[in-house]
Amino acid sequence: MMRRRHFLRQASAGLLAAPALLLPHRARANEPVDVELVLAVDVSRSVDPDEQELQFRGYANAFRDRRLIDGISRGAVGSIAVTFFTWSDWNVQELLIPWTRVGDTRSAHAFAEALDAAPRRTFLYTSISGAIDYAATLFGQGYEGTRQVVDISGDGVNNSGRPLSDARAEALAKGIVLNGLAVLDSNPPPAQFASLNPPLDEYYRDQVIGGPGAFLMVAEGFEAFESAVRRKIIREIASNPPPGPLVERAFA
């Protein structure tokens, strides 16, 4: 009898514990933010070291700008999530700053300092399609925004990887907004070479950007990059982006 009671107690304890073992692990909910913003920066060989430095410094100084911080604070949530990677060849994308919540001066300046300290490297080709494909895999990692935006800056047309139209179409089908920052070369190539490709601003307007409220910022030379990127990000993080021009231009 004692043995039977001991067996029943063990069986009951096992049955009571079983539901806890069978319960699925509850995934941690993503933190809400106003915007998930991916900053994708061209480091192909057409971008020399001085121009690359202007790009990095432009993004860093944008996050030190009081107007940008004020714009973030006016959002419904009052914060954004931002990540930064560089891109070149179809298989070259380097994540330099992982997803970071920015909601006040301290966090914005910390992001800027991370950009100051990030390595500068140059590669070969220009794969906008590869950059879009990579950017599309980054969303939903710890944050959930009302909008998912990719900010693509570059100074050349797609010349590596799969067709740009395919990558663009797949990203748009996922609800991702593609904005562009085209940097026009202050020393354009000779006319016989320039005729091989459409003007870069027209190329970005017609073949890169897309999605609700998408727009293109054009920097008239790398010297205008800082002004362009600051204006661009302020517009991107607006809680309810007002209708604006499809193409804006920034000058040094």
C-alpha atoms as a PDB file:
ATOM      1  CA  MET A   1       0.000   0.000   0.000  1.00  0.00           C
ATOM      2  CA  MET A   2       2.809   2.435   0.929  1.00  0.00           C
ATOM      3  CA  ARG A   3       4.539   1.695  -2.368  1.00  0.00           C
ATOM      4  CA  ARG A   4       1.301   2.353  -4.302  1.00  0.00           C
ATOM      5  CA  ARG A   5       0.734   5.732  -2.560  1.00  0.00           C
ATOM      6  CA  HIS A   6       4.327   6.767  -3.302  1.00  0.00           C
ATOM      7  CA  PHE A   7       3.841   5.902  -6.991  1.00  0.00           C
ATOM      8  CA  LEU A   8       0.598   7.933  -7.164  1.00  0.00           C
ATOM      9  CA  ARG A   9       2.251  10.972  -5.581  1.00  0.00           C
ATOM     10  CA  GLN A  10       5.088  10.817  -8.109  1.00  0.00           C
ATOM     11  CA  ALA A  11       2.687  10.446 -11.035  1.00  0.00           C
ATOM     12  CA  SER A  12       0.563  13.391  -9.852  1.00  0.00           C
ATOM     13  CA  ALA A  13       3.609  15.597  -9.472  1.00  0.00           C
ATOM     14  CA  GLY A  14       4.685  14.668 -12.987  1.00  0.00           C
ATOM     15  CA  LEU A  15       1.274  15.542 -14.434  1.00  0.00           C
ATOM     16  CA  LEU A  16       1.245  18.902 -12.657  1.00  0.00           C
ATOM     17  CA  ALA A  17       4.709  19.745 -13.977  1.00  0.00           C
ATOM     18  CA  ALA A  18       3.975  18.594 -17.525  1.00  0.00           C
ATOM     19  CA  PRO A  19       1.952  21.649 -18.640  1.00  0.00           C
ATOM     20  CA  ALA A  20       4.842  23.935 -17.723  1.00  0.00           C
ATOM     21  CA  LEU A  21       7.180  21.808 -19.805  1.00  0.00           C
ATOM     22  CA  LEU A  22       4.802  21.812 -22.746  1.00  0.00           C
ATOM     23  CA  LEU A  23       4.175  25.573 -22.775  1.00  0.00           C
ATOM     24  CA  PRO A  24       5.893  27.239 -25.763  1.00  0.00           C
ATOM     25  CA  HIS A  25       8.596  29.793 -25.020  1.00  0.00           C
ATOM     26  CA  ARG A  26       7.068  33.252 -25.276  1.00  0.00           C
ATOM     27  CA  ALA A  27       9.130  35.472 -27.562  1.00  0.00           C
ATOM     28  CA  ARG A  28      10.065  38.864 -26.214  1.00  0.00           C
ATOM     29  CA  ALA A  29       7.974  41.602 -27.843  1.00  0.00           C
ATOM     30  CA  ASN A  30       9.768  44.126 -30.018  1.00  0.00           C
ATOM     31  CA  GLU A  31      10.075  47.619 -28.536  1.00  0.00           C
ATOM     32  CA  PRO A  32       7.790  50.149 -30.269  1.00  0.00           C
ATOM     33  CA  VAL A  33       9.424  53.103 -32.045  1.00  0.00           C
ATOM     34  CA  ASP A  34       8.192  55.653 -34.523  1.00  0.00           C
ATOM     35  CA  VAL A  35      10.505  54.580 -37.354  1.00  0.00           C
ATOM     36  CA  GLU A  36      12.944  51.748 -38.056  1.00  0.00           C
ATOM     37  CA  LEU A  37      15.592  53.529 -40.113  1.00  0.00           C
ATOM     38  CA  VAL A  38      18.396  51.752 -41.982  1.00  0.00           C
ATOM     39  CA  LEU A  39      21.270  53.967 -43.135  1.00  0.00           C
ATOM     40  CA  ALA A  40      23.087  52.351 -46.083  1.00  0.00           C
ATOM     41  CA  VAL A  41      26.261  54.107 -47.269  1.00  0.00           C
ATOM     42  CA  ASP A  42      28.209  53.542 -50.491  1.00  0.00           C
ATOM     43  CA  VAL A  43      31.929  52.768 -50.027  1.00  0.00           C
ATOM     44  CA  SER A  44      32.750  51.639 -53.563  1.00  0.00           C
ATOM     45  CA  ARG A  45      36.003  52.705 -55.240  1.00  0.00           C
ATOM     46  CA  SER A  46      34.364  55.786 -56.782  1.00  0.00           C
ATOM     47  CA  VAL A  47      34.177  57.221 -53.253  1.00  0.00           C
ATOM     48  CA  ASP A  48      37.681  58.336 -52.313  1.00  0.00           C
ATOM     49  CA  PRO A  49      38.861  58.486 -48.650  1.00  0.00           C
ATOM     50  CA  ASP A  50      38.100  62.200 -48.304  1.00  0.00           C
ATOM     51  CA  GLU A  51      34.609  61.723 -49.718  1.00  0.00           C
ATOM     52  CA  GLN A  52      33.996  58.733 -47.470  1.00  0.00           C
ATOM     53  CA  GLU A  53      35.007  60.823 -44.469  1.00  0.00           C
ATOM     54  CA  LEU A  54      32.541  63.520 -45.540  1.00  0.00           C
ATOM     55  CA  GLN A  55      29.796  60.886 -45.598  1.00  0.00           C
ATOM     56  CA  PHE A  56      30.552  59.514 -42.134  1.00  0.00           C
ATOM     57  CA  ARG A  57      30.974  62.989 -40.672  1.00  0.00           C
ATOM     58  CA  GLY A  58      27.747  64.126 -42.306  1.00  0.00           C
ATOM     59  CA  TYR A  59      25.727  61.353 -40.663  1.00  0.00           C
ATOM     60  CA  ALA A  60      27.453  61.880 -37.302  1.00  0.00           C
ATOM     61  CA  ASN A  61      26.812  65.619 -37.293  1.00  0.00           C
ATOM     62  CA  ALA A  62      23.184  65.061 -38.295  1.00  0.00           C
ATOM     63  CA  PHE A  63      22.671  63.139 -35.057  1.00  0.00           C
ATOM     64  CA  ARG A  64      24.222  65.998 -33.115  1.00  0.00           C
ATOM     65  CA  ASP A  65      21.803  68.480 -34.635  1.00  0.00           C
ATOM     66  CA  ARG A  66      19.224  69.819 -32.184  1.00  0.00           C
ATOM     67  CA  ARG A  67      16.599  69.989 -34.936  1.00  0.00           C
ATOM     68  CA  LEU A  68      16.874  66.260 -35.583  1.00  0.00           C
ATOM     69  CA  ILE A  69      16.613  65.437 -31.883  1.00  0.00           C
ATOM     70  CA  ASP A  70      13.582  67.705 -31.532  1.00  0.00           C
ATOM     71  CA  GLY A  71      11.981  66.003 -34.525  1.00  0.00           C
ATOM     72  CA  ILE A  72      12.440  62.591 -32.932  1.00  0.00           C
ATOM     73  CA  SER A  73      10.928  63.750 -29.628  1.00  0.00           C
ATOM     74  CA  ARG A  74       7.779  64.992 -31.382  1.00  0.00           C
ATOM     75  CA  GLY A  75       6.894  61.516 -32.627  1.00  0.00           C
ATOM     76  CA  ALA A  76       4.027  59.519 -31.150  1.00  0.00           C
ATOM     77  CA  VAL A  77       6.492  57.249 -29.326  1.00  0.00           C
ATOM     78  CA  GLY A  78       9.293  59.800 -29.111  1.00  0.00           C
ATOM     79  CA  SER A  79      12.085  57.529 -30.297  1.00  0.00           C
ATOM     80  CA  ILE A  80      13.403  55.840 -33.425  1.00  0.00           C
ATOM     81  CA  ALA A  81      15.553  52.768 -34.045  1.00  0.00           C
ATOM     82  CA  VAL A  82      18.483  53.251 -36.397  1.00  0.00           C
ATOM     83  CA  THR A  83      21.243  51.041 -37.773  1.00  0.00           C
ATOM     84  CA  PHE A  84      24.140  51.829 -40.119  1.00  0.00           C
ATOM     85  CA  PHE A  85      25.943  49.710 -42.695  1.00  0.00           C
ATOM     86  CA  THR A  86      28.263  50.280 -45.629  1.00  0.00           C
ATOM     87  CA  TRP A  87      27.940  48.546 -48.976  1.00  0.00           C
ATOM     88  CA  SER A  88      29.812  48.011 -52.216  1.00  0.00           C
ATOM     89  CA  ASP A  89      29.992  44.740 -54.210  1.00  0.00           C
ATOM     90  CA  TRP A  90      26.935  42.455 -54.333  1.00  0.00           C
ATOM     91  CA  ASN A  91      28.341  40.405 -51.427  1.00  0.00           C
ATOM     92  CA  VAL A  92      29.955  43.240 -49.452  1.00  0.00           C
ATOM     93  CA  GLN A  93      27.806  44.775 -46.732  1.00  0.00           C
ATOM     94  CA  GLU A  94      29.400  45.659 -43.394  1.00  0.00           C
ATOM     95  CA  LEU A  95      27.153  46.357 -40.402  1.00  0.00           C
ATOM     96  CA  LEU A  96      29.023  48.997 -38.437  1.00  0.00           C
ATOM     97  CA  ILE A  97      26.374  50.044 -35.901  1.00  0.00           C
ATOM     98  CA  PRO A  98      23.650  47.569 -34.861  1.00  0.00           C
ATOM     99  CA  TRP A  99      20.095  48.619 -34.091  1.00  0.00           C
ATOM    100  CA  THR A 100      20.162  51.468 -31.592  1.00  0.00           C
ATOM    101  CA  ARG A 101      17.287  53.291 -29.922  1.00  0.00           C
ATOM    102  CA  VAL A 102      17.594  57.065 -30.261  1.00  0.00           C
ATOM    103  CA  GLY A 103      15.157  59.159 -28.242  1.00  0.00           C
ATOM    104  CA  ASP A 104      17.087  61.994 -26.617  1.00  0.00           C
ATOM    105  CA  THR A 105      20.255  64.050 -26.837  1.00  0.00           C
ATOM    106  CA  ARG A 106      22.367  61.491 -24.997  1.00  0.00           C
ATOM    107  CA  SER A 107      21.430  58.544 -27.227  1.00  0.00           C
ATOM    108  CA  ALA A 108      21.697  60.645 -30.400  1.00  0.00           C
ATOM    109  CA  HIS A 109      25.194  61.819 -29.451  1.00  0.00           C
ATOM    110  CA  ALA A 110      26.205  58.256 -28.561  1.00  0.00           C
ATOM    111  CA  PHE A 111      25.165  57.164 -32.056  1.00  0.00           C
ATOM    112  CA  ALA A 112      27.216  60.019 -33.524  1.00  0.00           C
ATOM    113  CA  GLU A 113      30.244  58.972 -31.483  1.00  0.00           C
ATOM    114  CA  ALA A 114      29.874  55.389 -32.722  1.00  0.00           C
ATOM    115  CA  LEU A 115      29.988  56.740 -36.275  1.00  0.00           C
ATOM    116  CA  ASP A 116      33.112  58.766 -35.458  1.00  0.00           C
ATOM    117  CA  ALA A 117      34.820  55.588 -34.253  1.00  0.00           C
ATOM    118  CA  ALA A 118      33.590  53.278 -37.051  1.00  0.00           C
ATOM    119  CA  PRO A 119      36.226  51.914 -39.452  1.00  0.00           C
ATOM    120  CA  ARG A 120      36.569  53.394 -42.930  1.00  0.00           C
ATOM    121  CA  ARG A 121      37.103  50.808 -45.667  1.00  0.00           C
ATOM    122  CA  THR A 122      36.833  50.953 -49.457  1.00  0.00           C
ATOM    123  CA  PHE A 123      35.808  48.147 -51.804  1.00  0.00           C
ATOM    124  CA  LEU A 124      35.208  47.903 -55.561  1.00  0.00           C
ATOM    125  CA  TYR A 125      31.826  47.803 -57.219  1.00  0.00           C
ATOM    126  CA  THR A 126      28.424  49.413 -56.702  1.00  0.00           C
ATOM    127  CA  SER A 127      25.600  46.999 -55.895  1.00  0.00           C
ATOM    128  CA  ILE A 128      22.512  48.953 -54.935  1.00  0.00           C
ATOM    129  CA  SER A 129      20.503  45.737 -55.349  1.00  0.00           C
ATOM    130  CA  GLY A 130      22.776  43.983 -52.836  1.00  0.00           C
ATOM    131  CA  ALA A 131      22.361  46.880 -50.411  1.00  0.00           C
ATOM    132  CA  ILE A 132      18.564  46.733 -50.665  1.00  0.00           C
ATOM    133  CA  ASP A 133      18.505  42.955 -50.239  1.00  0.00           C
ATOM    134  CA  TYR A 134      20.690  43.175 -47.144  1.00  0.00           C
ATOM    135  CA  ALA A 135      18.750  46.082 -45.647  1.00  0.00           C
ATOM    136  CA  ALA A 136      15.471  44.179 -46.010  1.00  0.00           C
ATOM    137  CA  THR A 137      16.791  41.428 -43.715  1.00  0.00           C
ATOM    138  CA  LEU A 138      17.509  43.837 -40.852  1.00  0.00           C
ATOM    139  CA  PHE A 139      13.992  44.855 -39.850  1.00  0.00           C
ATOM    140  CA  GLY A 140      12.067  43.441 -36.896  1.00  0.00           C
ATOM    141  CA  GLN A 141      15.155  42.784 -34.777  1.00  0.00           C
ATOM    142  CA  GLY A 142      14.201  44.120 -31.374  1.00  0.00           C
ATOM    143  CA  TYR A 143      12.138  47.076 -32.575  1.00  0.00           C
ATOM    144  CA  GLU A 144       8.792  47.623 -34.280  1.00  0.00           C
ATOM    145  CA  GLY A 145       8.175  50.906 -36.056  1.00  0.00           C
ATOM    146  CA  THR A 146       5.094  52.274 -37.730  1.00  0.00           C
ATOM    147  CA  ARG A 147       7.340  52.699 -40.777  1.00  0.00           C
ATOM    148  CA  GLN A 148      10.358  50.797 -42.086  1.00  0.00           C
ATOM    149  CA  VAL A 149      12.668  53.041 -44.100  1.00  0.00           C
ATOM    150  CA  VAL A 150      15.928  52.400 -45.959  1.00  0.00           C
ATOM    151  CA  ASP A 151      18.092  55.463 -46.628  1.00  0.00           C
ATOM    152  CA  ILE A 152      20.454  54.613 -49.518  1.00  0.00           C
ATOM    153  CA  SER A 153      23.271  57.031 -50.313  1.00  0.00           C
ATOM    154  CA  GLY A 154      25.579  56.584 -53.264  1.00  0.00           C
ATOM    155  CA  ASP A 155      27.345  58.192 -56.214  1.00  0.00           C
ATOM    156  CA  GLY A 156      26.917  55.598 -58.956  1.00  0.00           C
ATOM    157  CA  VAL A 157      24.557  53.227 -60.732  1.00  0.00           C
ATOM    158  CA  ASN A 158      24.102  49.528 -60.004  1.00  0.00           C
ATOM    159  CA  ASN A 159      26.955  47.551 -61.616  1.00  0.00           C
ATOM    160  CA  SER A 160      27.158  44.403 -59.467  1.00  0.00           C
ATOM    161  CA  GLY A 161      24.721  41.733 -58.352  1.00  0.00           C
ATOM    162  CA  ARG A 162      21.217  40.978 -59.499  1.00  0.00           C
ATOM    163  CA  PRO A 163      18.947  43.429 -61.342  1.00  0.00           C
ATOM    164  CA  LEU A 164      18.094  46.452 -59.225  1.00  0.00           C
ATOM    165  CA  SER A 165      14.447  46.260 -60.331  1.00  0.00           C
ATOM    166  CA  ASP A 166      14.063  42.808 -58.742  1.00  0.00           C
ATOM    167  CA  ALA A 167      15.520  43.826 -55.374  1.00  0.00           C
ATOM    168  CA  ARG A 168      13.480  47.037 -55.352  1.00  0.00           C
ATOM    169  CA  ALA A 169      10.225  45.238 -56.168  1.00  0.00           C
ATOM    170  CA  GLU A 170      10.732  42.667 -53.404  1.00  0.00           C
ATOM    171  CA  ALA A 171      11.472  45.343 -50.802  1.00  0.00           C
ATOM    172  CA  LEU A 172       8.431  47.394 -51.793  1.00  0.00           C
ATOM    173  CA  ALA A 173       6.231  44.279 -51.594  1.00  0.00           C
ATOM    174  CA  LYS A 174       7.281  43.967 -47.929  1.00  0.00           C
ATOM    175  CA  GLY A 175       6.108  47.516 -47.204  1.00  0.00           C
ATOM    176  CA  ILE A 176       9.626  48.947 -46.960  1.00  0.00           C
ATOM    177  CA  VAL A 177      10.096  52.577 -48.031  1.00  0.00           C
ATOM    178  CA  LEU A 178      13.220  53.235 -50.116  1.00  0.00           C
ATOM    179  CA  ASN A 179      14.607  56.762 -49.983  1.00  0.00           C
ATOM    180  CA  GLY A 180      17.692  57.900 -51.856  1.00  0.00           C
ATOM    181  CA  LEU A 181      20.562  60.294 -51.364  1.00  0.00           C
ATOM    182  CA  ALA A 182      22.340  60.708 -54.673  1.00  0.00           C
ATOM    183  CA  VAL A 183      25.738  62.425 -54.542  1.00  0.00           C
ATOM    184  CA  LEU A 184      26.558  64.175 -57.801  1.00  0.00           C
ATOM    185  CA  ASP A 185      30.244  64.227 -58.708  1.00  0.00           C
ATOM    186  CA  SER A 186      31.666  67.723 -58.766  1.00  0.00           C
ATOM    187  CA  ASN A 187      34.129  66.400 -61.427  1.00  0.00           C
ATOM    188  CA  PRO A 188      31.848  64.533 -63.826  1.00  0.00           C
ATOM    189  CA  PRO A 189      33.301  62.097 -66.374  1.00  0.00           C
ATOM    190  CA  PRO A 190      33.890  63.125 -69.996  1.00  0.00           C
ATOM    191  CA  ALA A 191      30.769  63.364 -72.130  1.00  0.00           C
ATOM    192  CA  GLN A 192      31.533  60.161 -74.050  1.00  0.00           C
ATOM    193  CA  PHE A 193      31.428  58.190 -70.787  1.00  0.00           C
ATOM    194  CA  ALA A 194      28.605  60.125 -69.162  1.00  0.00           C
ATOM    195  CA  SER A 195      26.337  59.192 -72.050  1.00  0.00           C
ATOM    196  CA  LEU A 196      26.583  55.504 -71.092  1.00  0.00           C
ATOM    197  CA  ASN A 197      24.363  56.020 -68.032  1.00  0.00           C
ATOM    198  CA  PRO A 198      21.457  58.336 -67.228  1.00  0.00           C
ATOM    199  CA  PRO A 199      22.092  61.299 -64.901  1.00  0.00           C
ATOM    200  CA  LEU A 200      22.441  59.933 -61.374  1.00  0.00           C
ATOM    201  CA  ASP A 201      19.612  61.990 -59.910  1.00  0.00           C
ATOM    202  CA  GLU A 202      17.231  60.730 -62.587  1.00  0.00           C
ATOM    203  CA  TYR A 203      18.464  57.160 -62.073  1.00  0.00           C
ATOM    204  CA  TYR A 204      17.818  57.263 -58.327  1.00  0.00           C
ATOM    205  CA  ARG A 205      14.444  58.948 -58.841  1.00  0.00           C
ATOM    206  CA  ASP A 206      13.227  56.442 -61.422  1.00  0.00           C
ATOM    207  CA  GLN A 207      14.911  53.192 -60.399  1.00  0.00           C
ATOM    208  CA  VAL A 208      15.852  53.310 -56.699  1.00  0.00           C
ATOM    209  CA  ILE A 209      13.323  55.132 -54.515  1.00  0.00           C
ATOM    210  CA  GLY A 210       9.824  53.824 -53.912  1.00  0.00           C
ATOM    211  CA  GLY A 211       7.050  53.278 -51.397  1.00  0.00           C
ATOM    212  CA  PRO A 212       4.613  55.622 -49.620  1.00  0.00           C
ATOM    213  CA  GLY A 213       6.128  59.092 -49.243  1.00  0.00           C
ATOM    214  CA  ALA A 214       9.462  58.079 -50.787  1.00  0.00           C
ATOM    215  CA  PHE A 215      11.731  60.904 -51.888  1.00  0.00           C
ATOM    216  CA  LEU A 216      15.210  61.638 -53.212  1.00  0.00           C
ATOM    217  CA  MET A 217      17.707  64.079 -51.760  1.00  0.00           C
ATOM    218  CA  VAL A 218      20.412  65.214 -54.191  1.00  0.00           C
ATOM    219  CA  ALA A 219      23.744  66.447 -52.830  1.00  0.00           C
ATOM    220  CA  GLU A 220      25.460  68.689 -55.348  1.00  0.00           C
ATOM    221  CA  GLY A 221      28.925  67.272 -54.622  1.00  0.00           C
ATOM    222  CA  PHE A 222      30.255  65.612 -51.469  1.00  0.00           C
ATOM    223  CA  GLU A 223      30.770  69.020 -49.867  1.00  0.00           C
ATOM    224  CA  ALA A 224      26.957  69.314 -49.729  1.00  0.00           C
ATOM    225  CA  PHE A 225      26.542  65.871 -48.167  1.00  0.00           C
ATOM    226  CA  GLU A 226      26.225  67.011 -44.552  1.00  0.00           C
ATOM    227  CA  SER A 227      23.474  69.492 -45.337  1.00  0.00           C
ATOM    228  CA  ALA A 228      21.709  66.912 -47.507  1.00  0.00           C
ATOM    229  CA  VAL A 229      21.778  64.093 -44.960  1.00  0.00           C
ATOM    230  CA  ARG A 230      20.613  66.308 -42.100  1.00  0.00           C
ATOM    231  CA  ARG A 231      17.596  67.557 -44.060  1.00  0.00           C
ATOM    232  CA  LYS A 232      16.879  64.056 -45.306  1.00  0.00           C
ATOM    233  CA  ILE A 233      16.831  62.343 -41.909  1.00  0.00           C
ATOM    234  CA  ILE A 234      14.718  65.107 -40.347  1.00  0.00           C
ATOM    235  CA  ARG A 235      12.139  64.511 -43.057  1.00  0.00           C
ATOM    236  CA  GLU A 236      12.351  60.726 -42.667  1.00  0.00           C
ATOM    237  CA  ILE A 237      11.746  60.692 -38.921  1.00  0.00           C
ATOM    238  CA  ALA A 238       8.755  63.050 -39.008  1.00  0.00           C
ATOM    239  CA  SER A 239       5.829  61.342 -37.247  1.00  0.00           C
ATOM    240  CA  ASN A 240       3.418  62.175 -40.060  1.00  0.00           C
ATOM    241  CA  PRO A 241       5.594  63.138 -43.013  1.00  0.00           C
ATOM    242  CA  PRO A 242       3.908  66.037 -44.804  1.00  0.00           C
ATOM    243  CA  PRO A 243       3.689  65.928 -48.585  1.00  0.00           C
ATOM    244  CA  GLY A 244       6.973  67.181 -49.936  1.00  0.00           C
ATOM    245  CA  PRO A 245       8.823  67.364 -53.228  1.00  0.00           C
ATOM    246  CA  LEU A 246       9.816  64.083 -54.803  1.00  0.00           C
ATOM    247  CA  VAL A 247      13.321  65.478 -55.304  1.00  0.00           C
ATOM    248  CA  GLU A 248      15.133  67.941 -53.032  1.00  0.00           C
ATOM    249  CA  ARG A 249      18.569  69.425 -53.633  1.00  0.00           C
ATOM    250  CA  ALA A 250      21.298  70.502 -51.238  1.00  0.00           C
ATOM    251  CA  PHE A 251      24.246  72.736 -52.100  1.00  0.00           C
ATOM    252  CA  ALA A 252      27.520  73.300 -50.285  1.00  0.00           C
END
